[in-house]
């Protein structure tokens, strides 16, 4: 269980916001030869978590490269949506708006609901907000509120919707949105 314990230790580091430790542990684990006692799907799990550690470390270009390599080498992984989400976040930070939206749409297409899909929809709204296309941002933020049962993301989407209305000087709509949030 040594390799599994290393993976779990890296996951604890990620949860504790210690991305550097997580990345060090995951890099070392990924470079070790596979063990015949590894559980099924262990190697892809290590690689997915490494992508998440790179994302937490804000190594945007490394995230994109690792995600692209993962998708090429493990094309039918059932958890590819997690990789697409990380890739989209990194592309967003690199201001590659269209590619970021495409990655988020891949998450939405792969799953029909849940927290990850709500986050992906929210991130599409964010890309438009950063581009100052407030009308389009509002449309995507409101999709989060209407289509998904993910209260933290619904609340965040309403907050950002209000901010977008403010940017458009639509004060009554902003006030109504903030009231709805409250």
C-alpha atoms as a PDB file:
ATOM      1  CA  UNK A   1       0.000   0.000   0.000  1.00  0.00           C
ATOM      2  CA  UNK A   2       3.051   2.263  -0.134  1.00  0.00           C
ATOM      3  CA  UNK A   3       2.135   3.822  -3.488  1.00  0.00           C
ATOM      4  CA  UNK A   4      -1.491   4.305  -2.480  1.00  0.00           C
ATOM      5  CA  UNK A   5      -0.351   5.986   0.734  1.00  0.00           C
ATOM      6  CA  UNK A   6       1.845   8.352  -1.293  1.00  0.00           C
ATOM      7  CA  UNK A   7      -1.120   9.276  -3.467  1.00  0.00           C
ATOM      8  CA  UNK A   8      -3.283   9.871  -0.420  1.00  0.00           C
ATOM      9  CA  UNK A   9      -0.519  11.960   1.176  1.00  0.00           C
ATOM     10  CA  UNK A  10      -0.382  14.090  -1.976  1.00  0.00           C
ATOM     11  CA  UNK A  11      -4.168  14.488  -1.911  1.00  0.00           C
ATOM     12  CA  UNK A  12      -3.986  15.665   1.697  1.00  0.00           C
ATOM     13  CA  UNK A  13      -1.354  18.217   0.671  1.00  0.00           C
ATOM     14  CA  UNK A  14      -3.642  19.456  -2.116  1.00  0.00           C
ATOM     15  CA  UNK A  15      -6.564  19.795   0.273  1.00  0.00           C
ATOM     16  CA  UNK A  16      -4.301  21.679   2.693  1.00  0.00           C
ATOM     17  CA  UNK A  17      -3.357  24.150  -0.076  1.00  0.00           C
ATOM     18  CA  UNK A  18       0.203  22.849  -0.174  1.00  0.00           C
ATOM     19  CA  UNK A  19       0.464  22.479  -3.934  1.00  0.00           C
ATOM     20  CA  UNK A  20       4.277  22.351  -3.934  1.00  0.00           C
ATOM     21  CA  UNK A  21       4.361  19.312  -1.664  1.00  0.00           C
ATOM     22  CA  UNK A  22       1.571  17.660  -3.622  1.00  0.00           C
ATOM     23  CA  UNK A  23       3.373  18.235  -6.907  1.00  0.00           C
ATOM     24  CA  UNK A  24       6.660  16.880  -5.541  1.00  0.00           C
ATOM     25  CA  UNK A  25       4.953  13.742  -4.242  1.00  0.00           C
ATOM     26  CA  UNK A  26       2.912  13.209  -7.398  1.00  0.00           C
ATOM     27  CA  UNK A  27       5.875  13.787  -9.713  1.00  0.00           C
ATOM     28  CA  UNK A  28       7.918  11.221  -7.812  1.00  0.00           C
ATOM     29  CA  UNK A  29       5.042   8.756  -7.807  1.00  0.00           C
ATOM     30  CA  UNK A  30       4.437   9.182 -11.538  1.00  0.00           C
ATOM     31  CA  UNK A  31       8.125   8.549 -12.285  1.00  0.00           C
ATOM     32  CA  UNK A  32       8.167   5.240 -10.385  1.00  0.00           C
ATOM     33  CA  UNK A  33       7.544   2.064 -12.351  1.00  0.00           C
ATOM     34  CA  UNK A  34       4.047   0.666 -12.001  1.00  0.00           C
ATOM     35  CA  UNK A  35       3.576  -1.943  -9.319  1.00  0.00           C
ATOM     36  CA  UNK A  36       1.565  -5.074 -10.122  1.00  0.00           C
ATOM     37  CA  UNK A  37      -0.328  -4.467  -6.872  1.00  0.00           C
ATOM     38  CA  UNK A  38      -1.526  -1.012  -7.968  1.00  0.00           C
ATOM     39  CA  UNK A  39      -5.301  -0.818  -8.051  1.00  0.00           C
ATOM     40  CA  UNK A  40      -6.985  -0.460 -11.424  1.00  0.00           C
ATOM     41  CA  UNK A  41      -6.802   3.099 -12.689  1.00  0.00           C
ATOM     42  CA  UNK A  42      -4.027   4.077 -10.308  1.00  0.00           C
ATOM     43  CA  UNK A  43      -1.635   5.572 -12.876  1.00  0.00           C
ATOM     44  CA  UNK A  44      -4.301   7.799 -14.490  1.00  0.00           C
ATOM     45  CA  UNK A  45      -5.424   8.917 -11.017  1.00  0.00           C
ATOM     46  CA  UNK A  46      -1.865  10.000 -10.196  1.00  0.00           C
ATOM     47  CA  UNK A  47      -1.645  11.943 -13.451  1.00  0.00           C
ATOM     48  CA  UNK A  48      -5.045  13.623 -12.939  1.00  0.00           C
ATOM     49  CA  UNK A  49      -4.069  14.709  -9.439  1.00  0.00           C
ATOM     50  CA  UNK A  50      -0.721  15.986 -10.726  1.00  0.00           C
ATOM     51  CA  UNK A  51      -2.589  18.179 -13.195  1.00  0.00           C
ATOM     52  CA  UNK A  52      -4.603  19.514 -10.275  1.00  0.00           C
ATOM     53  CA  UNK A  53      -1.415  20.200  -8.305  1.00  0.00           C
ATOM     54  CA  UNK A  54       0.007  22.115 -11.263  1.00  0.00           C
ATOM     55  CA  UNK A  55      -3.220  24.111 -11.421  1.00  0.00           C
ATOM     56  CA  UNK A  56      -3.015  24.873  -7.697  1.00  0.00           C
ATOM     57  CA  UNK A  57       0.620  25.940  -8.235  1.00  0.00           C
ATOM     58  CA  UNK A  58      -0.536  28.323 -10.991  1.00  0.00           C
ATOM     59  CA  UNK A  59       1.736  26.684 -13.551  1.00  0.00           C
ATOM     60  CA  UNK A  60      -0.697  27.422 -16.363  1.00  0.00           C
ATOM     61  CA  UNK A  61       1.392  26.287 -19.337  1.00  0.00           C
ATOM     62  CA  UNK A  62       2.381  23.094 -17.532  1.00  0.00           C
ATOM     63  CA  UNK A  63      -1.293  22.364 -16.821  1.00  0.00           C
ATOM     64  CA  UNK A  64      -2.176  22.704 -20.491  1.00  0.00           C
ATOM     65  CA  UNK A  65       0.747  20.514 -21.586  1.00  0.00           C
ATOM     66  CA  UNK A  66       0.025  17.829 -18.964  1.00  0.00           C
ATOM     67  CA  UNK A  67      -3.701  17.837 -19.750  1.00  0.00           C
ATOM     68  CA  UNK A  68      -3.080  17.536 -23.482  1.00  0.00           C
ATOM     69  CA  UNK A  69      -0.646  14.663 -22.906  1.00  0.00           C
ATOM     70  CA  UNK A  70      -3.095  12.924 -20.565  1.00  0.00           C
ATOM     71  CA  UNK A  71      -5.953  13.181 -23.046  1.00  0.00           C
ATOM     72  CA  UNK A  72      -3.759  11.846 -25.857  1.00  0.00           C
ATOM     73  CA  UNK A  73      -2.450   8.919 -23.808  1.00  0.00           C
ATOM     74  CA  UNK A  74      -5.639   8.059 -21.878  1.00  0.00           C
ATOM     75  CA  UNK A  75      -8.374   9.070 -24.343  1.00  0.00           C
ATOM     76  CA  UNK A  76     -11.173   7.040 -22.774  1.00  0.00           C
ATOM     77  CA  UNK A  77     -10.584   7.899 -19.138  1.00  0.00           C
ATOM     78  CA  UNK A  78     -13.990   8.210 -17.443  1.00  0.00           C
ATOM     79  CA  UNK A  79     -12.787  11.219 -15.446  1.00  0.00           C
ATOM     80  CA  UNK A  80     -11.456  13.248 -18.370  1.00  0.00           C
ATOM     81  CA  UNK A  81     -13.911  16.011 -17.468  1.00  0.00           C
ATOM     82  CA  UNK A  82     -11.731  16.825 -14.444  1.00  0.00           C
ATOM     83  CA  UNK A  83      -8.736  17.217 -16.742  1.00  0.00           C
ATOM     84  CA  UNK A  84     -10.743  19.369 -19.160  1.00  0.00           C
ATOM     85  CA  UNK A  85     -11.827  21.593 -16.284  1.00  0.00           C
ATOM     86  CA  UNK A  86      -8.222  22.113 -15.118  1.00  0.00           C
ATOM     87  CA  UNK A  87      -7.144  22.748 -18.707  1.00  0.00           C
ATOM     88  CA  UNK A  88      -9.901  25.318 -19.143  1.00  0.00           C
ATOM     89  CA  UNK A  89      -8.934  27.136 -15.961  1.00  0.00           C
ATOM     90  CA  UNK A  90      -5.313  27.311 -17.085  1.00  0.00           C
ATOM     91  CA  UNK A  91      -6.280  28.541 -20.543  1.00  0.00           C
ATOM     92  CA  UNK A  92      -8.463  31.179 -18.916  1.00  0.00           C
ATOM     93  CA  UNK A  93      -5.486  32.407 -16.893  1.00  0.00           C
ATOM     94  CA  UNK A  94      -3.463  32.554 -20.109  1.00  0.00           C
ATOM     95  CA  UNK A  95      -6.266  34.657 -21.690  1.00  0.00           C
ATOM     96  CA  UNK A  96      -6.953  32.034 -24.350  1.00  0.00           C
ATOM     97  CA  UNK A  97     -10.674  32.712 -24.074  1.00  0.00           C
ATOM     98  CA  UNK A  98     -12.073  30.583 -26.896  1.00  0.00           C
ATOM     99  CA  UNK A  99      -9.971  27.569 -25.949  1.00  0.00           C
ATOM    100  CA  UNK A 100     -10.941  27.985 -22.291  1.00  0.00           C
ATOM    101  CA  UNK A 101     -14.630  28.045 -23.229  1.00  0.00           C
ATOM    102  CA  UNK A 102     -14.193  24.958 -25.415  1.00  0.00           C
ATOM    103  CA  UNK A 103     -12.588  23.068 -22.522  1.00  0.00           C
ATOM    104  CA  UNK A 104     -15.433  24.103 -20.211  1.00  0.00           C
ATOM    105  CA  UNK A 105     -18.004  23.039 -22.801  1.00  0.00           C
ATOM    106  CA  UNK A 106     -16.291  19.634 -22.982  1.00  0.00           C
ATOM    107  CA  UNK A 107     -16.897  19.276 -19.235  1.00  0.00           C
ATOM    108  CA  UNK A 108     -20.549  20.230 -19.648  1.00  0.00           C
ATOM    109  CA  UNK A 109     -20.993  17.801 -22.551  1.00  0.00           C
ATOM    110  CA  UNK A 110     -19.297  14.959 -20.665  1.00  0.00           C
ATOM    111  CA  UNK A 111     -21.480  15.265 -17.583  1.00  0.00           C
ATOM    112  CA  UNK A 112     -25.081  16.270 -17.318  1.00  0.00           C
ATOM    113  CA  UNK A 113     -25.025  17.857 -13.900  1.00  0.00           C
ATOM    114  CA  UNK A 114     -23.236  18.262 -10.613  1.00  0.00           C
ATOM    115  CA  UNK A 115     -20.756  20.616  -9.067  1.00  0.00           C
ATOM    116  CA  UNK A 116     -18.051  20.242 -11.730  1.00  0.00           C
ATOM    117  CA  UNK A 117     -20.477  21.101 -14.537  1.00  0.00           C
ATOM    118  CA  UNK A 118     -21.799  24.113 -12.631  1.00  0.00           C
ATOM    119  CA  UNK A 119     -18.211  25.297 -12.113  1.00  0.00           C
ATOM    120  CA  UNK A 120     -17.472  24.858 -15.825  1.00  0.00           C
ATOM    121  CA  UNK A 121     -20.559  26.861 -16.778  1.00  0.00           C
ATOM    122  CA  UNK A 122     -19.542  29.558 -14.294  1.00  0.00           C
ATOM    123  CA  UNK A 123     -16.062  29.700 -15.830  1.00  0.00           C
ATOM    124  CA  UNK A 124     -17.554  30.298 -19.269  1.00  0.00           C
ATOM    125  CA  UNK A 125     -19.304  33.312 -17.767  1.00  0.00           C
ATOM    126  CA  UNK A 126     -16.006  34.438 -16.274  1.00  0.00           C
ATOM    127  CA  UNK A 127     -14.265  34.391 -19.643  1.00  0.00           C
ATOM    128  CA  UNK A 128     -16.877  36.741 -21.065  1.00  0.00           C
ATOM    129  CA  UNK A 129     -16.730  38.976 -17.988  1.00  0.00           C
ATOM    130  CA  UNK A 130     -12.946  39.331 -18.346  1.00  0.00           C
ATOM    131  CA  UNK A 131     -13.462  40.255 -21.982  1.00  0.00           C
ATOM    132  CA  UNK A 132     -15.987  42.890 -20.874  1.00  0.00           C
ATOM    133  CA  UNK A 133     -18.795  41.162 -22.806  1.00  0.00           C
ATOM    134  CA  UNK A 134     -21.166  41.611 -19.887  1.00  0.00           C
ATOM    135  CA  UNK A 135     -24.349  40.591 -21.700  1.00  0.00           C
ATOM    136  CA  UNK A 136     -22.865  37.226 -22.648  1.00  0.00           C
ATOM    137  CA  UNK A 137     -21.413  36.823 -19.140  1.00  0.00           C
ATOM    138  CA  UNK A 138     -24.852  37.364 -17.613  1.00  0.00           C
ATOM    139  CA  UNK A 139     -26.347  34.732 -19.908  1.00  0.00           C
ATOM    140  CA  UNK A 140     -23.826  32.117 -18.783  1.00  0.00           C
ATOM    141  CA  UNK A 141     -23.939  33.042 -15.106  1.00  0.00           C
ATOM    142  CA  UNK A 142     -27.716  32.740 -15.108  1.00  0.00           C
ATOM    143  CA  UNK A 143     -27.450  29.285 -16.672  1.00  0.00           C
ATOM    144  CA  UNK A 144     -25.581  28.217 -13.542  1.00  0.00           C
ATOM    145  CA  UNK A 145     -28.399  29.480 -11.348  1.00  0.00           C
ATOM    146  CA  UNK A 146     -31.198  28.014 -13.447  1.00  0.00           C
ATOM    147  CA  UNK A 147     -29.806  24.710 -14.738  1.00  0.00           C
ATOM    148  CA  UNK A 148     -27.763  23.296 -11.873  1.00  0.00           C
ATOM    149  CA  UNK A 149     -28.276  22.287  -8.278  1.00  0.00           C
ATOM    150  CA  UNK A 150     -24.947  23.521  -6.925  1.00  0.00           C
ATOM    151  CA  UNK A 151     -25.720  26.200  -4.303  1.00  0.00           C
ATOM    152  CA  UNK A 152     -22.185  27.625  -3.870  1.00  0.00           C
ATOM    153  CA  UNK A 153     -21.810  28.084  -7.622  1.00  0.00           C
ATOM    154  CA  UNK A 154     -25.348  29.370  -8.023  1.00  0.00           C
ATOM    155  CA  UNK A 155     -24.627  31.995  -5.370  1.00  0.00           C
ATOM    156  CA  UNK A 156     -21.325  32.959  -6.983  1.00  0.00           C
ATOM    157  CA  UNK A 157     -23.057  33.211 -10.360  1.00  0.00           C
ATOM    158  CA  UNK A 158     -25.714  35.542  -8.968  1.00  0.00           C
ATOM    159  CA  UNK A 159     -23.046  37.727  -7.376  1.00  0.00           C
ATOM    160  CA  UNK A 160     -21.173  37.978 -10.670  1.00  0.00           C
ATOM    161  CA  UNK A 161     -24.428  38.619 -12.534  1.00  0.00           C
ATOM    162  CA  UNK A 162     -25.023  41.607 -10.270  1.00  0.00           C
ATOM    163  CA  UNK A 163     -21.509  42.882 -10.946  1.00  0.00           C
ATOM    164  CA  UNK A 164     -22.049  42.526 -14.695  1.00  0.00           C
ATOM    165  CA  UNK A 165     -25.304  44.480 -14.446  1.00  0.00           C
ATOM    166  CA  UNK A 166     -23.387  47.194 -12.585  1.00  0.00           C
ATOM    167  CA  UNK A 167     -20.842  47.372 -15.417  1.00  0.00           C
ATOM    168  CA  UNK A 168     -23.761  47.917 -17.791  1.00  0.00           C
ATOM    169  CA  UNK A 169     -25.210  50.609 -15.473  1.00  0.00           C
ATOM    170  CA  UNK A 170     -28.352  48.497 -15.124  1.00  0.00           C
ATOM    171  CA  UNK A 171     -28.756  49.408 -11.470  1.00  0.00           C
ATOM    172  CA  UNK A 172     -32.278  48.052 -10.957  1.00  0.00           C
ATOM    173  CA  UNK A 173     -31.271  44.663 -12.400  1.00  0.00           C
ATOM    174  CA  UNK A 174     -28.147  44.622 -10.233  1.00  0.00           C
ATOM    175  CA  UNK A 175     -30.167  45.427  -7.104  1.00  0.00           C
ATOM    176  CA  UNK A 176     -32.765  42.770  -7.957  1.00  0.00           C
ATOM    177  CA  UNK A 177     -30.032  40.180  -8.512  1.00  0.00           C
ATOM    178  CA  UNK A 178     -28.333  41.007  -5.217  1.00  0.00           C
ATOM    179  CA  UNK A 179     -31.691  40.804  -3.434  1.00  0.00           C
ATOM    180  CA  UNK A 180     -32.278  37.396  -4.994  1.00  0.00           C
ATOM    181  CA  UNK A 181     -28.844  36.328  -3.791  1.00  0.00           C
ATOM    182  CA  UNK A 182     -29.638  37.440  -0.248  1.00  0.00           C
END
